[in-house]
Amino acid sequence: MVSERDIDLLNSHPPVPLGDAELFVDRLRPVAALVSPRLAPSYITWPDAPLPSTSGPSEVFGAPNFAWVVYRELESFESAGTHSSTAVRIGRDGRWSSVELGHLIPIGADDDGVWLTDQPVPMIENISEDDNPALEEDELFHRARDAPLEEWEDLPASIPHVFSTDFDPLHDSESYKSAPFGSRGIDLGSPVSDDISDVLPSILTPAITGPVQLVRHGPSVDDVMDVDRIVSNVEMVDGRLRLTYHPTGPIVTVDPGGDSASYEYPQETIDVDVSAGLPEEIRVSDYPSTKIPMRSWDSWDWDNDDLDTATPTFSLAGVEGAQWALKKLDDETMSASIEAVRVQLVGLAEPDLVWLDVDDKVHRVRSDYRDLSVRVENAWPLTEVIAEFTYRRFVDRRFRYRVPVFDAAGRPIPYPYLTVYLMEDLDTLDLEEVNVSIDGFTELSAHSD
C-alpha cells in the first residue's frame, strides 16, 4: 500500500492570482507552483522559514501583488488560547519574507501585511451553570475507582436496547441522542430536552457585536485599527479595503420539535478608501454596506470549503527545497513526545467510570478496547506509536491505529483529543471505506485537529 509520504505531488490550496499568473501553494510543505501564461510552471520554496513550535495545514491569503502563507500553532493543552502564528509573503519574482504574527487570529491580508483579530465570529452565550448543572461529581467518581468491574450489557438502563452490541449510532440517530456513553460526554439514559427554548432564552434575540481591534503585521508595518463591529475578513478589492463584518450575533431558530436549534450569522461588507492611509477608527454606519447571504454555522464546513476544489497536478520530483529543513530535537523532547502519545493509547484499556441516572451511581465499566497492544516504530522524524486492538462494536475485527509523533519538519505533533477522535471514528465507522492491510488488520490513522 502506497502511503501519502510516498506520493511526490503538490497538495495544493485553490490558486491565488498574482497578476496574470496563478500561485498554487502546498498545504503542508514549503513549496508553491507559479503558473504563468505560455510558460512552464516554476517553483518557489521556503524550507528555512521560521515556524511555530507546531502547525497543521497552512492557510493562504491573497493580496494584489503577493500571497501570504500562514502557519498557525496547533492546539495543545499547554497552548490553549495562546496559539502563535507565522506568515510567509511570496511575490511573483520568487522572493519571500517572513513575519511573526503573535497570538491573534489571521482574517485576511493586503500587500503590506496580514490582518488579525481576537474574535472573528460572534460567540454564542454560554448557558449558565444554574440552567445546566453538571452531572459529574469528583467525589462520586473518586469512590468508584475501586468498584467492581462491570460489563456494559449488565448495567441498569432506561433504554436497554442501546447497550446491545448491535447498536449502530451511524444509522440509529434517535438512539444515539441518549446512547449510554457516559465517559464520552453523553448524558446516559437522559433524552435530549423536550423544549430547548426553555434553556436558550438569552440567545434567541441577537445582540449587536463589537467593538474589536484589528491588527496588521508585516515585514515593515505594525498597525492597529478599531472597528465597532466584529470583523471576519479583510481584503483589498479595487484599491479599497473591504471589511466583512457581523452586524449582530447569530439568529437562533428553534427547530420543529423543540429539541435542537439552528444558527445563522448575518454578515455585511463595507469598502474603505485607504489611499491616504489607514483610519484609526471605523464606524460601519459611516459607509454604504452590502449584505451577503447568511450561512448556518458549521465550523467544519467553513474551514473546509476549498477541499473539493479541483487543481492541476504538479510533480515535485527534483524540486529542491520542497521539504522543510529538519531541526533536530534534543533527546529529552523526543522521548517526552513519544511517551505523551504512548500513554494515551495504553490508557485505552482502562475501565470507564460512568454515571447513570437510573440508579444515580457511578459504575466502573470494562473498556470498549480489548486485547490492546501498543508499540513504537521507526526513528525520528518518522516515529509512529501503533496500537492494535479489538473494539466492542466490531468483535470480529482487529484494528491497527497509527499515530505519527512528529511532522514533516521534525516537530512534535500535539494530540490533546487523540482518544476522543479515535472513539468518534470507531463509533461512526463505515467498514467499506477503510483500508484492510495484507495481514488482516483494519487500518486507521490519527488526526490531531
Protein backbone atom coordinates (compact mmCIF):
# COMPACT_ATOMS: atom_id res chain seq x y z
CA MET A 1 0.00 0.00 0.00
CA VAL A 2 1.40 3.41 -1.00
CA SER A 3 1.27 5.98 1.76
CA GLU A 4 0.84 9.73 1.34
CA ARG A 5 4.50 10.16 2.24
CA ASP A 6 5.46 8.26 -0.91
CA ILE A 7 3.39 10.42 -3.31
CA ASP A 8 5.51 13.35 -4.52
CA LEU A 9 2.71 15.61 -5.79
CA LEU A 10 1.80 19.14 -4.78
CA ASN A 11 -1.17 19.08 -2.39
CA SER A 12 -2.45 22.50 -3.31
CA HIS A 13 -4.78 25.11 -1.94
CA PRO A 14 -7.01 26.76 -4.57
CA PRO A 15 -4.85 29.12 -6.67
CA VAL A 16 -4.04 32.68 -5.65
CA PRO A 17 -3.98 35.15 -8.58
CA LEU A 18 -0.78 37.15 -8.97
CA GLY A 19 -1.36 39.47 -11.92
CA ASP A 20 -1.91 37.24 -14.94
CA ALA A 21 -0.27 34.30 -13.14
CA GLU A 22 -1.60 31.87 -10.52
CA LEU A 23 0.18 30.56 -7.44
CA PHE A 24 -0.62 27.05 -6.17
CA VAL A 25 0.61 26.67 -2.57
CA ASP A 26 1.12 23.26 -0.94
CA ARG A 27 -0.96 22.75 2.19
CA LEU A 28 1.87 21.27 4.29
CA ARG A 29 5.20 21.74 2.55
CA PRO A 30 7.20 24.93 1.84
CA VAL A 31 6.63 24.94 -1.91
CA ALA A 32 4.33 26.59 -4.45
CA ALA A 33 3.92 26.26 -8.22
CA LEU A 34 3.75 29.53 -10.18
CA VAL A 35 1.82 29.16 -13.43
CA SER A 36 2.20 31.98 -15.95
CA PRO A 37 0.61 32.21 -19.40
CA ARG A 38 2.60 30.42 -22.10
CA LEU A 39 5.34 29.43 -19.64
CA ALA A 40 6.15 26.14 -17.94
CA PRO A 41 5.37 26.07 -14.20
CA SER A 42 8.15 27.33 -11.95
CA TYR A 43 8.57 26.51 -8.26
CA ILE A 44 9.13 28.72 -5.23
CA THR A 45 10.34 27.19 -1.96
CA TRP A 46 10.97 28.48 1.57
CA PRO A 47 12.37 25.48 3.53
CA ASP A 48 14.12 27.63 6.15
CA ALA A 49 11.20 29.90 7.00
CA PRO A 50 10.50 30.16 10.74
CA LEU A 51 7.58 28.10 12.04
CA PRO A 52 5.61 27.90 15.29
CA SER A 53 6.57 25.04 17.60
CA THR A 54 3.80 23.04 15.91
CA SER A 55 1.50 23.71 12.96
CA GLY A 56 -1.00 21.93 10.77
CA PRO A 57 -2.04 22.69 7.19
CA SER A 58 -1.32 26.24 6.12
CA GLU A 59 -3.83 28.97 5.31
CA VAL A 60 -3.38 31.16 2.23
CA PHE A 61 -4.49 34.79 1.87
CA GLY A 62 -4.29 36.60 -1.43
CA ALA A 63 -3.26 40.24 -1.91
CA PRO A 64 -2.98 42.28 -5.11
CA ASN A 65 0.73 41.52 -5.61
CA PHE A 66 1.57 38.85 -3.04
CA ALA A 67 0.34 35.66 -1.45
CA TRP A 68 0.58 35.14 2.30
CA VAL A 69 1.02 31.61 3.65
CA VAL A 70 0.11 31.44 7.33
CA TYR A 71 1.17 28.65 9.71
CA ARG A 72 -0.84 28.54 12.94
CA GLU A 73 0.24 26.67 16.04
CA LEU A 74 -1.78 23.54 16.67
CA GLU A 75 -3.87 23.39 19.82
CA SER A 76 -2.45 21.64 22.83
CA PHE A 77 -3.40 21.76 26.49
CA GLU A 78 -0.32 23.90 27.12
CA SER A 79 -1.09 26.40 24.33
CA ALA A 80 -4.87 26.66 24.78
CA GLY A 81 -5.91 30.22 23.97
CA THR A 82 -2.36 31.35 23.12
CA HIS A 83 -1.73 29.92 19.64
CA SER A 84 1.07 31.71 17.80
CA SER A 85 1.37 32.10 14.02
CA THR A 86 3.99 32.90 11.43
CA ALA A 87 3.48 34.02 7.84
CA VAL A 88 5.49 33.85 4.63
CA ARG A 89 4.93 36.55 1.98
CA ILE A 90 5.57 35.32 -1.56
CA GLY A 91 6.00 37.51 -4.62
CA ARG A 92 5.75 36.64 -8.29
CA ASP A 93 9.53 37.07 -8.61
CA GLY A 94 10.05 34.13 -6.26
CA ARG A 95 11.27 36.20 -3.35
CA TRP A 96 9.82 35.60 0.07
CA SER A 97 9.98 37.12 3.53
CA SER A 98 8.52 36.06 6.85
CA VAL A 99 6.92 37.70 9.86
CA GLU A 100 5.83 36.62 13.34
CA LEU A 101 2.09 37.21 13.80
CA GLY A 102 1.72 36.61 17.53
CA HIS A 103 -1.37 35.05 19.13
CA LEU A 104 -4.23 36.72 17.24
CA ILE A 105 -6.31 35.04 14.52
CA PRO A 106 -5.50 35.82 10.85
CA ILE A 107 -8.54 37.01 8.86
CA GLY A 108 -7.06 38.47 5.65
CA ALA A 109 -4.16 40.28 4.05
CA ASP A 110 -3.07 43.12 1.79
CA ASP A 111 0.31 43.74 0.17
CA ASP A 112 1.80 45.18 3.38
CA GLY A 113 0.74 42.62 5.96
CA VAL A 114 -1.67 40.12 7.48
CA TRP A 115 -4.79 41.36 9.28
CA LEU A 116 -5.60 39.74 12.63
CA THR A 117 -8.23 39.88 15.35
CA ASP A 118 -9.01 38.12 18.61
CA GLN A 119 -12.60 37.19 17.68
CA PRO A 120 -13.64 36.77 14.01
CA VAL A 121 -17.05 35.21 14.76
CA PRO A 122 -19.66 36.22 17.36
CA MET A 123 -19.81 33.75 20.20
CA ILE A 124 -23.00 32.12 21.44
CA GLU A 125 -23.54 32.99 25.07
CA ASN A 126 -22.92 30.10 27.40
CA ILE A 127 -25.82 28.61 29.29
CA SER A 128 -25.28 29.40 32.95
CA GLU A 129 -24.31 26.68 35.38
CA ASP A 130 -27.62 27.19 37.17
CA ASP A 131 -29.50 26.29 33.96
CA ASN A 132 -27.22 23.39 33.10
CA PRO A 133 -25.91 21.80 36.32
CA ALA A 134 -23.03 19.38 35.96
CA LEU A 135 -23.91 15.74 36.47
CA GLU A 136 -20.44 14.62 37.44
CA GLU A 137 -19.15 14.96 40.96
CA ASP A 138 -15.46 14.39 41.61
CA GLU A 139 -16.07 12.63 44.91
CA LEU A 140 -18.51 10.14 43.37
CA PHE A 141 -16.03 9.26 40.64
CA HIS A 142 -13.16 9.00 43.08
CA ARG A 143 -15.07 6.46 45.18
CA ALA A 144 -15.96 4.45 42.09
CA ARG A 145 -12.35 3.79 41.09
CA ASP A 146 -12.24 0.66 43.26
CA ALA A 147 -15.77 -0.51 42.39
CA PRO A 148 -16.29 -3.99 40.86
CA LEU A 149 -15.70 -4.17 37.10
CA GLU A 150 -18.98 -4.42 35.16
CA GLU A 151 -19.94 -5.12 31.55
CA TRP A 152 -21.99 -2.63 29.54
CA GLU A 153 -24.67 -5.26 28.98
CA ASP A 154 -25.14 -5.75 32.75
CA LEU A 155 -25.79 -2.10 33.60
CA PRO A 156 -29.29 -0.94 34.57
CA ALA A 157 -30.72 1.19 31.76
CA SER A 158 -33.90 3.06 30.98
CA ILE A 159 -33.22 2.41 27.27
CA PRO A 160 -31.93 -1.20 27.29
CA HIS A 161 -31.54 -1.78 23.55
CA VAL A 162 -28.75 0.76 23.11
CA PHE A 163 -26.44 -1.37 25.25
CA SER A 164 -26.56 -4.14 22.68
CA THR A 165 -23.51 -4.82 20.51
CA ASP A 166 -25.84 -4.39 17.52
CA PHE A 167 -26.34 -0.70 18.35
CA ASP A 168 -25.19 1.41 15.40
CA PRO A 169 -25.09 5.18 16.11
CA LEU A 170 -24.31 5.88 12.46
CA HIS A 171 -27.72 4.58 11.35
CA ASP A 172 -29.76 4.89 14.57
CA SER A 173 -29.76 8.62 15.23
CA GLU A 174 -32.68 8.64 17.65
CA SER A 175 -30.99 6.12 19.92
CA TYR A 176 -27.69 8.00 19.58
CA LYS A 177 -29.25 11.04 21.28
CA SER A 178 -29.45 9.09 24.53
CA ALA A 179 -26.79 6.43 23.96
CA PRO A 180 -25.05 5.26 27.16
CA PHE A 181 -21.55 6.52 26.52
CA GLY A 182 -21.07 8.20 29.91
CA SER A 183 -17.35 8.80 29.84
CA ARG A 184 -17.77 10.02 26.27
CA GLY A 185 -19.69 13.11 27.33
CA ILE A 186 -23.27 11.98 26.60
CA ASP A 187 -25.96 12.08 29.28
CA LEU A 188 -26.61 8.40 29.89
CA GLY A 189 -30.23 7.41 29.71
CA SER A 190 -31.40 11.04 29.59
CA PRO A 191 -33.10 12.10 26.35
CA VAL A 192 -32.47 15.50 24.80
CA SER A 193 -34.53 18.33 26.29
CA ASP A 194 -38.15 18.34 25.12
CA ASP A 195 -38.01 22.09 24.58
CA ILE A 196 -34.60 23.63 24.02
CA SER A 197 -36.13 27.10 24.09
CA ASP A 198 -36.53 26.64 27.86
CA VAL A 199 -32.76 26.79 28.28
CA LEU A 200 -31.84 29.22 25.49
CA PRO A 201 -33.83 32.40 26.23
CA SER A 202 -30.75 34.59 26.44
CA ILE A 203 -29.57 33.88 22.88
CA LEU A 204 -32.85 33.90 20.94
CA THR A 205 -32.52 37.67 20.38
CA PRO A 206 -29.27 38.56 18.56
CA ALA A 207 -27.20 41.37 20.07
CA ILE A 208 -25.07 43.97 18.29
CA THR A 209 -21.44 42.83 18.03
CA GLY A 210 -18.16 44.58 18.72
CA PRO A 211 -16.19 46.64 19.15
CA VAL A 212 -12.93 44.97 18.09
CA GLN A 213 -9.36 45.95 17.39
CA LEU A 214 -7.79 44.85 14.11
CA VAL A 215 -4.01 44.49 13.89
CA ARG A 216 -1.89 44.38 10.72
CA HIS A 217 1.54 42.75 10.96
CA GLY A 218 4.02 42.75 8.07
CA PRO A 219 7.76 42.89 7.43
CA SER A 220 7.71 46.71 7.71
CA VAL A 221 4.30 47.57 9.22
CA ASP A 222 2.62 47.17 12.59
CA ASP A 223 -0.77 48.91 12.51
CA VAL A 224 -3.87 49.00 14.72
CA MET A 225 -7.42 49.94 13.67
CA ASP A 226 -10.55 49.98 15.85
CA VAL A 227 -13.88 48.84 14.34
CA ASP A 228 -17.25 48.99 16.08
CA ARG A 229 -18.38 45.54 14.86
CA ILE A 230 -16.78 42.08 14.81
CA VAL A 231 -14.84 41.65 11.55
CA SER A 232 -14.37 38.20 9.97
CA ASN A 233 -12.48 39.03 6.76
CA VAL A 234 -10.24 41.78 5.34
CA GLU A 235 -9.11 42.07 1.71
CA MET A 236 -8.16 44.64 -0.91
CA VAL A 237 -10.76 44.99 -3.70
CA ASP A 238 -10.25 47.55 -6.48
CA GLY A 239 -7.87 49.58 -4.35
CA ARG A 240 -10.18 49.75 -1.32
CA LEU A 241 -10.02 47.85 1.94
CA ARG A 242 -13.09 45.60 2.16
CA LEU A 243 -14.24 44.56 5.63
CA THR A 244 -16.70 41.71 6.13
CA TYR A 245 -18.39 42.19 9.48
CA HIS A 246 -21.15 40.77 11.68
CA PRO A 247 -23.78 43.43 12.47
CA THR A 248 -25.28 41.18 15.15
CA GLY A 249 -24.70 37.83 16.77
CA PRO A 250 -26.31 34.67 15.40
CA ILE A 251 -30.02 34.47 14.63
CA VAL A 252 -31.27 31.45 16.58
CA THR A 253 -34.23 29.41 15.36
CA VAL A 254 -35.65 26.58 17.45
CA ASP A 255 -36.19 23.65 15.10
CA PRO A 256 -39.54 21.81 14.83
CA GLY A 257 -39.95 19.53 17.82
CA GLY A 258 -38.07 21.89 20.11
CA ASP A 259 -35.07 19.59 20.72
CA SER A 260 -32.46 21.50 18.70
CA ALA A 261 -31.71 24.94 17.33
CA SER A 262 -30.23 26.39 14.12
CA TYR A 263 -27.85 29.36 13.99
CA GLU A 264 -27.41 31.75 11.08
CA TYR A 265 -24.83 34.51 11.07
CA PRO A 266 -25.72 37.75 9.24
CA GLN A 267 -22.78 39.42 7.50
CA GLU A 268 -22.28 42.64 5.57
CA THR A 269 -19.37 44.31 3.76
CA ILE A 270 -18.09 47.86 3.53
CA ASP A 271 -15.32 49.29 1.33
CA VAL A 272 -12.93 51.79 2.92
CA ASP A 273 -10.76 54.23 0.97
CA VAL A 274 -7.22 53.88 2.32
CA SER A 275 -5.40 55.85 -0.37
CA ALA A 276 -4.45 58.49 2.22
CA GLY A 277 -3.59 55.87 4.85
CA LEU A 278 -5.44 53.69 7.32
CA PRO A 279 -8.06 55.30 9.53
CA GLU A 280 -7.55 54.85 13.25
CA GLU A 281 -11.23 54.04 13.80
CA ILE A 282 -14.09 52.77 11.63
CA ARG A 283 -17.80 53.01 12.34
CA VAL A 284 -19.56 50.75 9.86
CA SER A 285 -22.64 53.00 9.81
CA ASP A 286 -20.50 55.70 8.12
CA TYR A 287 -20.17 53.57 4.97
CA PRO A 288 -22.63 52.07 2.48
CA SER A 289 -22.95 48.38 3.28
CA THR A 290 -23.83 45.30 1.25
CA LYS A 291 -25.50 42.27 2.80
CA ILE A 292 -24.13 38.86 1.89
CA PRO A 293 -26.03 35.56 2.11
CA MET A 294 -26.30 34.14 5.60
CA ARG A 295 -24.92 30.70 6.28
CA SER A 296 -25.51 28.26 9.03
CA TRP A 297 -22.54 27.97 11.34
CA ASP A 298 -20.71 24.70 10.93
CA SER A 299 -17.01 25.18 11.55
CA TRP A 300 -16.07 22.02 9.67
CA ASP A 301 -17.85 23.20 6.51
CA TRP A 302 -16.44 26.71 6.74
CA ASP A 303 -12.89 25.55 7.37
CA ASN A 304 -13.00 23.06 4.50
CA ASP A 305 -14.82 24.99 1.78
CA ASP A 306 -11.92 24.58 -0.63
CA LEU A 307 -11.15 20.88 -0.14
CA ASP A 308 -13.21 19.78 -3.15
CA THR A 309 -11.80 22.44 -5.49
CA ALA A 310 -10.08 20.79 -8.45
CA THR A 311 -6.49 21.94 -9.04
CA PRO A 312 -3.88 20.93 -11.64
CA THR A 313 -1.39 18.19 -10.80
CA PHE A 314 2.21 19.24 -10.17
CA SER A 315 5.02 16.78 -9.61
CA LEU A 316 7.59 17.81 -7.03
CA ALA A 317 10.14 15.27 -8.21
CA GLY A 318 13.52 17.00 -8.29
CA VAL A 319 12.24 20.31 -6.82
CA GLU A 320 14.96 21.45 -4.45
CA GLY A 321 13.78 22.81 -1.10
CA ALA A 322 10.27 21.33 -1.31
CA GLN A 323 10.68 19.74 2.14
CA TRP A 324 11.10 21.54 5.44
CA ALA A 325 14.63 21.77 6.77
CA LEU A 326 14.70 19.41 9.76
CA LYS A 327 15.64 20.91 13.08
CA LYS A 328 16.99 18.19 15.35
CA LEU A 329 15.23 17.79 18.69
CA ASP A 330 17.08 17.06 21.90
CA ASP A 331 16.72 13.54 23.29
CA GLU A 332 14.57 14.67 26.23
CA THR A 333 11.99 16.39 23.99
CA MET A 334 11.95 13.47 21.61
CA SER A 335 11.36 10.91 24.37
CA ALA A 336 8.71 13.04 26.08
CA SER A 337 6.82 13.46 22.78
CA ILE A 338 6.74 9.73 22.15
CA GLU A 339 5.68 8.97 25.71
CA ALA A 340 2.86 11.55 25.55
CA VAL A 341 1.28 9.60 22.69
CA ARG A 342 2.07 6.14 24.09
CA VAL A 343 0.45 6.89 27.47
CA GLN A 344 -2.80 7.96 25.82
CA LEU A 345 -3.02 4.76 23.80
CA VAL A 346 -2.11 2.47 26.70
CA GLY A 347 -4.88 4.17 28.66
CA LEU A 348 -7.50 2.93 26.19
CA ALA A 349 -7.67 -0.34 28.14
CA GLU A 350 -8.55 1.40 31.42
CA PRO A 351 -12.15 0.89 32.66
CA ASP A 352 -14.65 3.71 32.11
CA LEU A 353 -16.29 5.48 35.04
CA VAL A 354 -19.92 6.09 34.06
CA TRP A 355 -22.75 7.84 35.91
CA LEU A 356 -26.28 6.54 35.26
CA ASP A 357 -29.40 8.48 36.16
CA VAL A 358 -31.32 5.21 36.55
CA ASP A 359 -29.71 4.43 39.92
CA ASP A 360 -27.76 7.68 40.47
CA LYS A 361 -24.50 5.76 40.77
CA VAL A 362 -21.10 5.78 39.13
CA HIS A 363 -20.21 2.40 37.62
CA ARG A 364 -16.78 1.08 36.72
CA VAL A 365 -17.26 -0.48 33.27
CA ARG A 366 -14.97 -2.59 31.15
CA SER A 367 -13.31 -0.62 28.35
CA ASP A 368 -14.61 -0.89 24.78
CA TYR A 369 -11.00 -1.59 23.72
CA ARG A 370 -9.99 -5.23 24.12
CA ASP A 371 -6.74 -7.20 23.62
CA LEU A 372 -4.76 -3.97 23.35
CA SER A 373 -1.07 -3.85 22.46
CA VAL A 374 0.99 -0.68 21.92
CA ARG A 375 4.45 -0.36 20.37
CA VAL A 376 6.77 2.33 18.98
CA GLU A 377 8.29 2.02 15.49
CA ASN A 378 10.82 3.96 13.39
CA ALA A 379 13.36 6.61 14.31
CA TRP A 380 12.84 10.38 14.34
CA PRO A 381 11.29 12.04 12.40
CA LEU A 382 9.24 9.05 11.12
CA THR A 383 8.42 7.69 14.59
CA GLU A 384 4.97 6.16 14.98
CA VAL A 385 3.15 4.81 18.00
CA ILE A 386 0.95 1.91 16.90
CA ALA A 387 -1.98 0.47 18.86
CA GLU A 388 -3.61 -2.83 17.89
CA PHE A 389 -6.93 -3.84 19.44
CA THR A 390 -10.44 -5.13 19.00
CA TYR A 391 -13.42 -2.86 19.64
CA ARG A 392 -16.72 -3.70 21.24
CA ARG A 393 -18.85 -2.74 18.21
CA PHE A 394 -16.76 -4.89 15.86
CA VAL A 395 -15.87 -8.03 17.79
CA ASP A 396 -14.75 -9.84 14.62
CA ARG A 397 -12.32 -7.11 13.57
CA ARG A 398 -8.76 -6.33 14.64
CA PHE A 399 -7.74 -2.67 14.30
CA ARG A 400 -4.34 -1.07 13.83
CA TYR A 401 -4.16 2.63 14.74
CA ARG A 402 -1.09 4.55 13.57
CA VAL A 403 -0.11 7.80 15.26
CA PRO A 404 2.82 9.76 13.78
CA VAL A 405 4.64 11.53 16.60
CA PHE A 406 6.49 14.15 14.51
CA ASP A 407 5.54 16.21 11.46
CA ALA A 408 7.42 16.75 8.20
CA ALA A 409 9.61 19.41 9.86
CA GLY A 410 10.51 17.03 12.70
CA ARG A 411 8.41 18.88 15.31
CA PRO A 412 6.22 17.08 17.86
CA ILE A 413 2.53 16.86 16.89
CA PRO A 414 0.18 17.69 19.79
CA TYR A 415 -2.77 15.34 20.25
CA PRO A 416 -4.96 16.80 23.02
CA TYR A 417 -8.03 14.87 21.80
CA LEU A 418 -6.39 11.76 20.34
CA THR A 419 -8.57 9.15 22.03
CA VAL A 420 -11.74 11.24 21.61
CA TYR A 421 -11.24 11.37 17.85
CA LEU A 422 -10.48 7.65 17.76
CA MET A 423 -13.70 6.86 19.62
CA GLU A 424 -15.71 9.09 17.26
CA ASP A 425 -14.13 7.42 14.23
CA LEU A 426 -14.91 3.95 15.52
CA ASP A 427 -18.48 4.77 16.51
CA THR A 428 -19.27 6.23 13.08
CA LEU A 429 -17.16 3.82 11.07
CA ASP A 430 -18.23 2.53 7.66
CA LEU A 431 -16.10 -0.60 7.26
CA GLU A 432 -16.42 -0.47 3.47
CA GLU A 433 -14.45 2.80 3.38
CA VAL A 434 -11.40 1.79 5.42
CA ASN A 435 -8.23 0.03 4.34
CA VAL A 436 -7.53 -3.57 5.32
CA SER A 437 -3.84 -4.45 5.37
CA ILE A 438 -2.38 -7.67 3.99
CA ASP A 439 -2.24 -9.23 7.47
CA GLY A 440 -5.96 -8.69 8.08
CA PHE A 441 -5.92 -5.56 10.27
CA THR A 442 -8.30 -2.69 9.62
CA GLU A 443 -6.01 0.34 9.32
CA LEU A 444 -6.84 3.67 10.97
CA SER A 445 -4.76 6.86 11.06
CA ALA A 446 -4.71 9.61 13.67
CA HIS A 447 -5.62 13.23 13.12
CA SER A 448 -4.65 15.99 15.52
CA ASP A 449 -7.36 18.61 14.97
